[in-house]
Structure formats: structure tokens, C-alpha cells
Amino acid sequence: MRRSWFGGVVKQNKSPSLDLLKSLYGVLLKNSILTDNNKNLIIEVLRSIAETVIWGDQNDPRVFDYFLEKGIQSYFLNIIEQPKCGTYVCTQLLQTLNILFENIRNETSIYFLLSNNHVNSIICHEFDFSDEEIMAYYISFLKTLSLKLNQNTIHFFYNEHLRDFPLYTEAIKFFNHSESMVRIAVRTLTLNVYKVGDEATLKFIHDKTAAPYFSNLVWFIGNNVLMMERCLRTEATHLTRNKLEALVALHLDDIHYVHDIMQLQIQSLNTMLCEHLLNTLFIPLYVYSLDPGLEVDSPQVSVKCALFLLSQVFLILSHPPLVKQLKLYICFEENPHLESSETVRKFTKPMSKIQDTLKPAVIPKKPTKPYAYTSCQGASRRTEATRG
């Protein structure tokens, strides 16, 4: 055991216990202001808190009771909002939260962790996303939260009164991130949200986010297709072949993601997604390219590339309305030559980026202790605190 210069006692190699959590809480109290001198101590405390609380959730309910009673989550928020909270502290805090939500098994404990709105405040915090580590831990945290969504927990994230859903709206801003891991996490999160099937949430998604998200998603897919075409027109080298293989794999992933959305059978979303796919991608970029003599004011690809892309679409997608209409255009039963200039489909850039379309989420300011504490042992909910 050694005494820290910054307050509290840091115990080394001590097994998780209620006494250890009390000691860690004491260190947090005495180091509420981050400085260059106590950053390493706070990082170690955050790491130990996660380990201790998870142990308590599985072995000693008093540990989690104490964690809630002292409102330790509020200290996390206090830490992350301080100017001195740099990369290492931010990443450790996000990792601590991720570990907690990933490993706590008791459903009531999850409700308690979500009930004070601190999680939404952390989701909306303006992190330095140019830092790769922070980006990775942040998006991993959001994905972990999405795995906890169900008909009960989704209401901790979607505020029907304010029409705000930061878990979803903050995540989809990274749908076209340069790192594939981030894009995959965003797609997993969106599917987890859709699967819950909550009517109010789905109405919000349809009314406020679906059009900008789907239009930007289609633009992202189409731009990758145009890059594929440029690779095909470039003299073959080892590098271009590797890039072409990566772009083909990316297109497959994109179409599989579209398929996964449509398989959830959410009619309002499927209708809007089909409209964007047909009118701004499949028909103007894929189908029109099958006729080299067709003059349209829109980018085109080679016939071979178009046939290859359409073969992938038909192999993967099975949504009847989309497949049927696409077949009609390919068979020229609806002939693009007969369309007026006003109705000819075009592959065009969305009016605005999704990041500019979605307003910042509004997180209501709540009192530090909005609920009277009730022990998790047998508890199913908190009770409103009496004031006076």
C-alpha cells in the first residue's frame, strides 16, 4: 500500500471488494479537479472502478448499491467535461463505461445506470474525434449501448417530448467514416435500433433522419462505384488490383446492409430507402449505363461494370417492390428514352451533409440526485426524491 500525494490511498494488488470501491470513491472526491499531476491516478481509479463494480454485480450486490448511492457516474461526467481531460483520460473513461455496460448482467442494474441521463450527456459530449483512439472507444461504447436496447431501455435514449435520440443521431454522423470498423459499428447500431420496433422511435427516425441518412448513404455507395470504374479504366498494377478488390468487397457490404434493413420489414423505412436506391443510384448509375447511346446528365459506368453491379444487387436483395421495379427498367418495359427531361433519374449529391442536417441533441439538465436511492437488492425501480 502507498499513499498518493494527490489524496486518498492507492492500494496495489487488492482484490475487488466494497472496501476497495469506498477507497476509490474517496480518491475521486479528493481529486475532483483534473491536473497534469493527478491524471495517471484518475486513469488507474477509473480502471479499478470498472473491475470492482463488475465483480460486485456478480458477487456482492452491496458494491453496485454503493456505486449508485454515491452517484459515481456523475463524477465520470464531471471528469470528461474538464479542459484537462486529454486523450488518455477520455479513452479510459469511455473504456470504463464500455466495460460496465458490456459486462453487467443484472437488468435492473442496467436500468439504474441509464436512469439519470448521464449516458446521453456523455454521448453528446464534443470529443476530439480526430484522435483515432477516442473515435474507436466512443463508437465501440455506442455500439455496446445499442446491444442493450429493448422495448424498455430504448426510452432512456429517445426523448419523445423533445424529439431527441442522441444515441442514433450522433452515431449516423459517422456512417461514411474512413475507418471500416467505425462504419460497421454504425451499421450494427442502426440495425439494433430498428429491430426494437418501438413505434414512437421509428416515427422519429422516419420523419427526422431517414431522408438525410438514406440519401447520403446512397451517395456514399455511388461514389465508391465510380471509384471502381476509375480503377477499371486505369492501367492494371498490383496497387490498382488491390484497390479494385477492396471496392468490390465494399459494394457487397453496402448491398448486404441494405438487405439487412429491408429484411426487418419496416414498411415506412423500406419505402423511403427503395425510393432513394431506385431514383438516385440503381436506375441512373447502373441501369442507364447498360445503354451507351443514352444521353443523360449524370455519371455513367461501363456496361460490364453495370452488369456486374446489378448481378450483385439481384443476388443479395429480395425485397419484392424494389426487385420488381428494377426488372421493369432493365427489360425496358419502362423505357428511359421515353422519359421527359424532368423525370430522368440522376445520380446527384444530396442537398446537405448528414452532419449539417441533424441538429445537436438537447440533453435536459437534471438535478445531481433526481431520485431517492433504493437498494438494487430486489429493487425494480427508483422512487422520486422528496424535496424540502
Protein backbone atom coordinates (compact mmCIF):
# COMPACT_ATOMS: atom_id res chain seq x y z
CA MET A 1 0.00 0.00 0.00
CA ARG A 2 1.21 3.54 -0.76
CA ARG A 3 -0.21 6.98 -0.03
CA SER A 4 -0.82 9.19 -3.04
CA TRP A 5 0.36 12.80 -2.99
CA PHE A 6 -2.98 13.72 -4.52
CA GLY A 7 -5.23 12.41 -1.77
CA GLY A 8 -6.51 9.01 -0.84
CA VAL A 9 -4.77 5.69 -0.59
CA VAL A 10 -4.00 3.70 -3.73
CA LYS A 11 -3.90 0.02 -2.85
CA GLN A 12 -1.96 -2.22 -5.16
CA ASN A 13 -2.90 -5.83 -5.96
CA LYS A 14 -6.07 -5.62 -3.83
CA SER A 15 -8.98 -7.87 -4.81
CA PRO A 16 -12.30 -6.20 -5.74
CA SER A 17 -14.50 -5.52 -2.73
CA LEU A 18 -16.85 -2.96 -1.22
CA ASP A 19 -13.97 -1.53 0.81
CA LEU A 20 -11.91 -1.06 -2.33
CA LEU A 21 -14.74 0.82 -4.05
CA LYS A 22 -15.08 3.07 -1.00
CA SER A 23 -11.35 3.78 -1.19
CA LEU A 24 -11.57 4.56 -4.93
CA TYR A 25 -14.53 6.85 -4.33
CA GLY A 26 -12.50 8.69 -1.72
CA VAL A 27 -9.73 9.26 -4.24
CA LEU A 28 -12.27 10.63 -6.75
CA LEU A 29 -13.62 13.04 -4.13
CA LYS A 30 -10.18 14.39 -3.30
CA ASN A 31 -9.23 14.71 -6.97
CA SER A 32 -12.37 16.24 -8.42
CA ILE A 33 -10.28 18.73 -10.42
CA LEU A 34 -8.05 17.19 -13.09
CA THR A 35 -4.46 18.38 -13.24
CA ASP A 36 -1.35 17.23 -15.05
CA ASN A 37 -0.18 15.74 -11.77
CA ASN A 38 -3.19 13.54 -10.99
CA LYS A 39 -4.18 12.32 -14.48
CA ASN A 40 -2.42 8.97 -14.13
CA LEU A 41 -4.04 8.44 -10.74
CA ILE A 42 -7.53 9.13 -12.15
CA ILE A 43 -6.91 6.75 -15.06
CA GLU A 44 -5.98 3.98 -12.60
CA VAL A 45 -9.02 4.76 -10.43
CA LEU A 46 -11.39 4.57 -13.43
CA ARG A 47 -9.89 1.25 -14.47
CA SER A 48 -10.24 -0.17 -10.95
CA ILE A 49 -13.82 1.09 -10.56
CA ALA A 50 -14.93 -0.84 -13.66
CA GLU A 51 -13.30 -4.04 -12.42
CA THR A 52 -14.76 -3.65 -8.91
CA VAL A 53 -18.32 -2.80 -9.99
CA ILE A 54 -18.47 -5.73 -12.40
CA TRP A 55 -17.22 -8.05 -9.67
CA GLY A 56 -19.85 -6.66 -7.33
CA ASP A 57 -22.65 -7.13 -9.87
CA GLN A 58 -21.82 -10.83 -9.97
CA ASN A 59 -20.70 -11.45 -6.37
CA ASP A 60 -21.74 -8.74 -3.90
CA PRO A 61 -24.81 -6.53 -4.56
CA ARG A 62 -23.62 -4.04 -1.94
CA VAL A 63 -20.86 -2.90 -4.30
CA PHE A 64 -23.26 -1.81 -7.02
CA ASP A 65 -25.57 -0.31 -4.39
CA TYR A 66 -22.70 1.86 -3.17
CA PHE A 67 -21.77 2.85 -6.73
CA LEU A 68 -25.32 4.15 -7.25
CA GLU A 69 -25.77 5.62 -3.80
CA LYS A 70 -22.71 7.86 -4.22
CA GLY A 71 -23.64 8.81 -7.79
CA ILE A 72 -20.20 7.86 -9.08
CA GLN A 73 -21.45 8.17 -12.67
CA SER A 74 -21.85 11.91 -12.14
CA TYR A 75 -18.12 12.09 -11.38
CA PHE A 76 -17.44 10.48 -14.77
CA LEU A 77 -19.37 13.29 -16.43
CA ASN A 78 -17.54 15.88 -14.33
CA ILE A 79 -14.18 14.46 -15.40
CA ILE A 80 -14.98 14.36 -19.10
CA GLU A 81 -16.21 17.96 -19.16
CA GLN A 82 -12.98 19.39 -17.73
CA PRO A 83 -10.47 21.15 -20.03
CA LYS A 84 -7.63 18.99 -18.72
CA CYS A 85 -9.36 15.77 -19.78
CA GLY A 86 -6.96 14.73 -22.53
CA THR A 87 -6.77 11.67 -24.74
CA TYR A 88 -5.68 9.18 -22.09
CA VAL A 89 -8.32 10.13 -19.53
CA CYS A 90 -11.07 10.28 -22.19
CA THR A 91 -10.20 6.89 -23.63
CA GLN A 92 -10.01 5.29 -20.18
CA LEU A 93 -13.37 6.76 -19.19
CA LEU A 94 -15.02 5.54 -22.41
CA GLN A 95 -13.39 2.15 -21.93
CA THR A 96 -14.65 2.03 -18.32
CA LEU A 97 -18.22 2.78 -19.43
CA ASN A 98 -17.99 0.28 -22.27
CA ILE A 99 -16.74 -2.44 -19.92
CA LEU A 100 -19.51 -1.70 -17.41
CA PHE A 101 -22.34 -1.92 -19.94
CA GLU A 102 -20.81 -4.90 -21.69
CA ASN A 103 -20.39 -7.00 -18.56
CA ILE A 104 -23.12 -6.08 -16.09
CA ARG A 105 -25.68 -8.87 -16.27
CA ASN A 106 -28.42 -7.68 -13.93
CA GLU A 107 -31.12 -5.95 -15.98
CA THR A 108 -32.20 -3.78 -13.06
CA SER A 109 -28.61 -2.57 -12.72
CA ILE A 110 -28.65 -1.50 -16.37
CA TYR A 111 -31.86 0.47 -15.74
CA PHE A 112 -30.20 2.27 -12.85
CA LEU A 113 -27.12 3.13 -14.92
CA LEU A 114 -29.31 4.64 -17.62
CA SER A 115 -31.91 6.38 -15.47
CA ASN A 116 -30.05 9.62 -14.65
CA ASN A 117 -29.33 10.76 -18.24
CA HIS A 118 -25.56 10.94 -17.66
CA VAL A 119 -25.04 8.45 -20.50
CA ASN A 120 -26.83 10.70 -23.00
CA SER A 121 -24.74 13.65 -21.83
CA ILE A 122 -21.56 11.67 -22.48
CA ILE A 123 -22.86 10.60 -25.92
CA CYS A 124 -23.37 14.28 -26.81
CA HIS A 125 -20.04 15.46 -25.42
CA GLU A 126 -17.80 17.11 -28.02
CA PHE A 127 -14.86 14.73 -28.07
CA ASP A 128 -11.82 15.22 -30.24
CA PHE A 129 -12.76 12.71 -32.93
CA SER A 130 -9.62 13.46 -34.91
CA ASP A 131 -7.93 11.28 -32.28
CA GLU A 132 -8.21 7.70 -33.56
CA GLU A 133 -8.22 6.16 -30.07
CA ILE A 134 -11.03 8.37 -28.83
CA MET A 135 -13.03 7.67 -32.01
CA ALA A 136 -12.57 3.91 -31.63
CA TYR A 137 -13.58 3.81 -27.95
CA TYR A 138 -16.50 6.20 -28.49
CA ILE A 139 -18.07 4.25 -31.34
CA SER A 140 -17.48 0.97 -29.50
CA PHE A 141 -19.31 2.43 -26.49
CA LEU A 142 -22.29 3.45 -28.66
CA LYS A 143 -22.44 0.01 -30.25
CA THR A 144 -22.38 -1.65 -26.82
CA LEU A 145 -25.26 0.55 -25.69
CA SER A 146 -27.26 -0.39 -28.78
CA LEU A 147 -26.91 -4.07 -27.84
CA LYS A 148 -28.79 -3.28 -24.62
CA LEU A 149 -31.78 -1.80 -26.46
CA ASN A 150 -35.23 -3.30 -26.00
CA GLN A 151 -38.79 -2.04 -25.57
CA ASN A 152 -37.95 -0.93 -22.01
CA THR A 153 -34.46 0.54 -22.32
CA ILE A 154 -34.98 2.47 -25.55
CA HIS A 155 -36.96 5.10 -23.65
CA PHE A 156 -33.81 6.01 -21.72
CA PHE A 157 -32.31 7.13 -25.03
CA TYR A 158 -35.24 8.51 -27.03
CA ASN A 159 -36.86 11.59 -25.53
CA GLU A 160 -40.31 11.67 -27.09
CA HIS A 161 -41.13 15.06 -25.57
CA LEU A 162 -38.04 16.77 -27.03
CA ARG A 163 -37.93 14.53 -30.13
CA ASP A 164 -34.28 13.73 -29.47
CA PHE A 165 -32.43 10.44 -29.91
CA PRO A 166 -28.71 11.17 -29.44
CA LEU A 167 -27.58 7.53 -29.43
CA TYR A 168 -28.86 7.20 -33.01
CA THR A 169 -28.31 10.70 -34.40
CA GLU A 170 -24.76 11.04 -33.09
CA ALA A 171 -23.82 7.60 -34.42
CA ILE A 172 -25.08 8.03 -38.00
CA LYS A 173 -22.93 11.14 -38.40
CA PHE A 174 -20.03 8.69 -38.79
CA PHE A 175 -21.72 6.45 -41.40
CA ASN A 176 -19.04 7.27 -44.00
CA HIS A 177 -16.02 7.34 -41.72
CA SER A 178 -12.72 6.40 -43.33
CA GLU A 179 -12.22 3.51 -40.89
CA SER A 180 -14.25 0.42 -41.79
CA MET A 181 -14.52 -0.56 -38.10
CA VAL A 182 -16.39 2.68 -37.39
CA ARG A 183 -18.73 2.23 -40.38
CA ILE A 184 -19.53 -1.35 -39.34
CA ALA A 185 -20.27 -0.25 -35.77
CA VAL A 186 -22.63 2.47 -37.03
CA ARG A 187 -24.49 -0.01 -39.24
CA THR A 188 -24.76 -2.52 -36.39
CA LEU A 189 -26.15 0.21 -34.16
CA THR A 190 -28.77 1.32 -36.69
CA LEU A 191 -29.98 -2.25 -37.18
CA ASN A 192 -30.17 -2.76 -33.40
CA VAL A 193 -32.30 0.39 -33.13
CA TYR A 194 -34.64 -0.66 -35.96
CA LYS A 195 -35.04 -4.18 -34.52
CA VAL A 196 -36.57 -2.86 -31.30
CA GLY A 197 -39.63 -1.86 -33.31
CA ASP A 198 -40.73 0.94 -30.99
CA GLU A 199 -43.38 2.94 -32.88
CA ALA A 200 -42.50 6.38 -31.48
CA THR A 201 -38.81 5.87 -32.15
CA LEU A 202 -39.39 4.60 -35.69
CA LYS A 203 -41.66 7.58 -36.42
CA PHE A 204 -38.90 9.94 -35.27
CA ILE A 205 -36.35 8.11 -37.43
CA HIS A 206 -38.64 8.24 -40.46
CA ASP A 207 -39.67 11.88 -40.04
CA LYS A 208 -36.36 13.42 -38.96
CA THR A 209 -33.42 11.28 -40.06
CA ALA A 210 -34.34 8.74 -42.76
CA ALA A 211 -34.25 11.09 -45.76
CA PRO A 212 -30.84 12.66 -44.99
CA TYR A 213 -29.37 9.33 -43.87
CA PHE A 214 -30.54 7.28 -46.86
CA SER A 215 -29.69 9.99 -49.41
CA ASN A 216 -26.16 10.33 -48.03
CA LEU A 217 -25.78 6.54 -47.79
CA VAL A 218 -26.75 6.18 -51.47
CA TRP A 219 -24.30 8.93 -52.41
CA PHE A 220 -21.56 7.09 -50.47
CA ILE A 221 -22.31 3.80 -52.28
CA GLY A 222 -22.41 5.51 -55.69
CA ASN A 223 -19.10 7.30 -55.19
CA ASN A 224 -17.43 4.02 -54.36
CA VAL A 225 -18.89 2.59 -57.58
CA LEU A 226 -17.39 5.48 -59.58
CA MET A 227 -14.03 4.81 -57.94
CA MET A 228 -14.41 1.18 -59.02
CA GLU A 229 -14.99 2.37 -62.59
CA ARG A 230 -11.87 4.56 -62.48
CA CYS A 231 -9.82 1.57 -61.32
CA LEU A 232 -11.12 -0.47 -64.26
CA ARG A 233 -10.07 2.28 -66.68
CA THR A 234 -6.60 2.60 -65.13
CA GLU A 235 -3.68 0.50 -66.30
CA ALA A 236 -3.61 -2.65 -64.20
CA THR A 237 -1.00 -2.71 -61.45
CA HIS A 238 -0.66 -4.53 -58.17
CA LEU A 239 -1.99 -1.48 -56.31
CA THR A 240 -4.99 -0.90 -58.56
CA ARG A 241 -5.95 -4.59 -58.36
CA ASN A 242 -5.86 -4.45 -54.56
CA LYS A 243 -7.92 -1.27 -54.55
CA LEU A 244 -10.43 -2.78 -57.00
CA GLU A 245 -10.82 -5.87 -54.82
CA ALA A 246 -11.40 -3.66 -51.77
CA LEU A 247 -14.04 -1.61 -53.63
CA VAL A 248 -15.86 -4.73 -54.81
CA ALA A 249 -15.92 -6.05 -51.24
CA LEU A 250 -17.16 -2.67 -50.05
CA HIS A 251 -20.03 -2.72 -52.56
CA LEU A 252 -21.00 -6.19 -51.39
CA ASP A 253 -21.04 -4.97 -47.77
CA ASP A 254 -23.16 -1.96 -48.75
CA ILE A 255 -25.78 -4.08 -50.54
CA HIS A 256 -25.85 -6.59 -47.68
CA TYR A 257 -26.51 -3.72 -45.27
CA VAL A 258 -29.40 -2.52 -47.44
CA HIS A 259 -30.72 -6.09 -47.47
CA ASP A 260 -30.48 -6.32 -43.67
CA ILE A 261 -32.55 -3.14 -43.28
CA MET A 262 -35.22 -4.37 -45.69
CA GLN A 263 -35.43 -7.77 -44.02
CA LEU A 264 -36.68 -6.07 -40.86
CA GLN A 265 -39.94 -5.36 -42.75
CA ILE A 266 -40.38 -1.79 -41.51
CA GLN A 267 -42.61 -0.51 -44.29
CA SER A 268 -42.06 3.24 -43.79
CA LEU A 269 -38.27 2.87 -43.89
CA ASN A 270 -38.30 0.35 -46.74
CA THR A 271 -40.45 2.63 -48.90
CA MET A 272 -38.13 5.58 -48.42
CA LEU A 273 -34.96 3.50 -48.87
CA CYS A 274 -36.31 1.94 -52.09
CA GLU A 275 -37.13 5.38 -53.45
CA HIS A 276 -33.59 6.66 -52.86
CA LEU A 277 -31.95 3.50 -54.20
CA LEU A 278 -34.00 3.36 -57.39
CA ASN A 279 -34.18 7.05 -58.26
CA THR A 280 -30.66 8.16 -57.36
CA LEU A 281 -28.49 5.03 -57.68
CA PHE A 282 -29.71 1.83 -59.32
CA ILE A 283 -31.57 3.40 -62.27
CA PRO A 284 -29.38 6.43 -63.12
CA LEU A 285 -25.99 4.84 -62.39
CA TYR A 286 -26.49 1.12 -63.03
CA VAL A 287 -29.41 0.70 -65.47
CA TYR A 288 -28.79 3.77 -67.65
CA SER A 289 -25.19 2.59 -68.07
CA LEU A 290 -26.44 -0.53 -69.89
CA ASP A 291 -27.25 1.69 -72.89
CA PRO A 292 -24.08 3.51 -74.05
CA GLY A 293 -26.16 5.52 -76.52
CA LEU A 294 -28.33 7.03 -73.83
CA GLU A 295 -27.52 10.67 -73.21
CA VAL A 296 -28.19 11.69 -69.63
CA ASP A 297 -26.70 14.44 -67.50
CA SER A 298 -25.42 12.01 -64.88
CA PRO A 299 -22.24 9.95 -64.30
CA GLN A 300 -22.08 6.54 -66.00
CA VAL A 301 -20.03 3.36 -65.74
CA SER A 302 -19.10 0.82 -68.39
CA VAL A 303 -21.62 -1.82 -69.48
CA LYS A 304 -19.50 -4.61 -67.96
CA CYS A 305 -19.29 -2.79 -64.64
CA ALA A 306 -23.03 -2.09 -64.64
CA LEU A 307 -23.85 -5.75 -65.35
CA PHE A 308 -21.54 -6.87 -62.56
CA LEU A 309 -23.08 -4.42 -60.07
CA LEU A 310 -26.63 -5.40 -61.00
CA SER A 311 -25.79 -9.08 -60.65
CA GLN A 312 -24.70 -8.37 -57.06
CA VAL A 313 -27.89 -6.44 -56.40
CA PHE A 314 -30.13 -9.25 -57.66
CA LEU A 315 -28.14 -11.94 -55.85
CA ILE A 316 -28.44 -10.18 -52.49
CA LEU A 317 -31.61 -8.09 -52.45
CA SER A 318 -35.00 -9.81 -52.28
CA HIS A 319 -37.40 -7.00 -51.35
CA PRO A 320 -40.24 -7.58 -53.90
CA PRO A 321 -41.20 -3.96 -54.72
CA LEU A 322 -37.60 -2.95 -55.38
CA VAL A 323 -36.66 -6.07 -57.36
CA LYS A 324 -39.82 -5.87 -59.47
CA GLN A 325 -39.36 -2.22 -60.43
CA LEU A 326 -35.68 -2.72 -61.20
CA LYS A 327 -36.54 -5.62 -63.51
CA LEU A 328 -39.04 -3.42 -65.36
CA TYR A 329 -36.39 -0.83 -66.11
CA ILE A 330 -33.80 -3.36 -67.20
CA CYS A 331 -36.27 -5.02 -69.56
CA PHE A 332 -37.15 -1.55 -70.92
CA GLU A 333 -40.82 -2.05 -70.13
CA GLU A 334 -40.38 1.45 -68.69
CA ASN A 335 -38.10 2.89 -71.33
CA PRO A 336 -35.72 5.64 -70.17
CA HIS A 337 -35.71 7.01 -73.75
CA LEU A 338 -39.39 7.90 -73.32
CA GLU A 339 -38.89 9.79 -70.08
CA SER A 340 -39.05 13.57 -70.13
CA SER A 341 -36.04 15.55 -69.02
CA GLU A 342 -37.88 16.35 -65.77
CA THR A 343 -38.32 12.67 -64.85
CA VAL A 344 -34.95 11.25 -65.92
CA ARG A 345 -33.25 9.96 -62.79
CA LYS A 346 -29.89 11.42 -61.83
CA PHE A 347 -27.10 10.37 -59.52
CA THR A 348 -26.72 13.66 -57.67
CA LYS A 349 -25.14 14.84 -54.46
CA PRO A 350 -27.55 15.29 -51.51
CA MET A 351 -28.60 18.84 -50.70
CA SER A 352 -26.60 18.76 -47.46
CA LYS A 353 -24.31 16.53 -45.45
CA ILE A 354 -25.96 14.48 -42.75
CA GLN A 355 -23.76 16.16 -40.13
CA ASP A 356 -25.27 19.52 -41.12
CA THR A 357 -28.83 18.23 -41.28
CA LEU A 358 -29.09 16.75 -37.80
CA LYS A 359 -29.40 19.35 -35.08
CA PRO A 360 -27.35 18.85 -31.90
CA ALA A 361 -29.24 16.81 -29.35
CA VAL A 362 -30.72 18.68 -26.39
CA ILE A 363 -29.95 16.99 -23.08
CA PRO A 364 -32.17 18.25 -20.26
CA LYS A 365 -30.27 19.43 -17.21
CA LYS A 366 -31.26 17.31 -14.26
CA PRO A 367 -30.52 17.69 -10.56
CA THR A 368 -27.47 15.79 -9.38
CA LYS A 369 -29.68 13.42 -7.34
CA PRO A 370 -33.11 13.27 -9.01
CA TYR A 371 -34.07 10.02 -7.35
CA ALA A 372 -34.12 8.68 -3.83
CA TYR A 373 -31.78 5.75 -3.68
CA THR A 374 -33.29 2.30 -3.34
CA SER A 375 -31.07 -0.75 -2.96
CA CYS A 376 -30.67 -2.90 -6.05
CA GLN A 377 -31.24 -5.97 -3.91
CA GLY A 378 -34.73 -6.88 -5.01
CA ALA A 379 -35.45 -3.37 -6.25
CA SER A 380 -37.21 -2.94 -9.56
CA ARG A 381 -37.24 0.85 -9.75
CA ARG A 382 -36.25 4.11 -8.04
CA THR A 383 -38.67 6.35 -6.20
CA GLU A 384 -38.94 10.09 -6.65
CA ALA A 385 -36.99 12.03 -4.07
CA THR A 386 -38.87 14.19 -1.64
CA ARG A 387 -37.61 17.74 -1.59
CA GLY A 388 -37.58 20.22 1.24
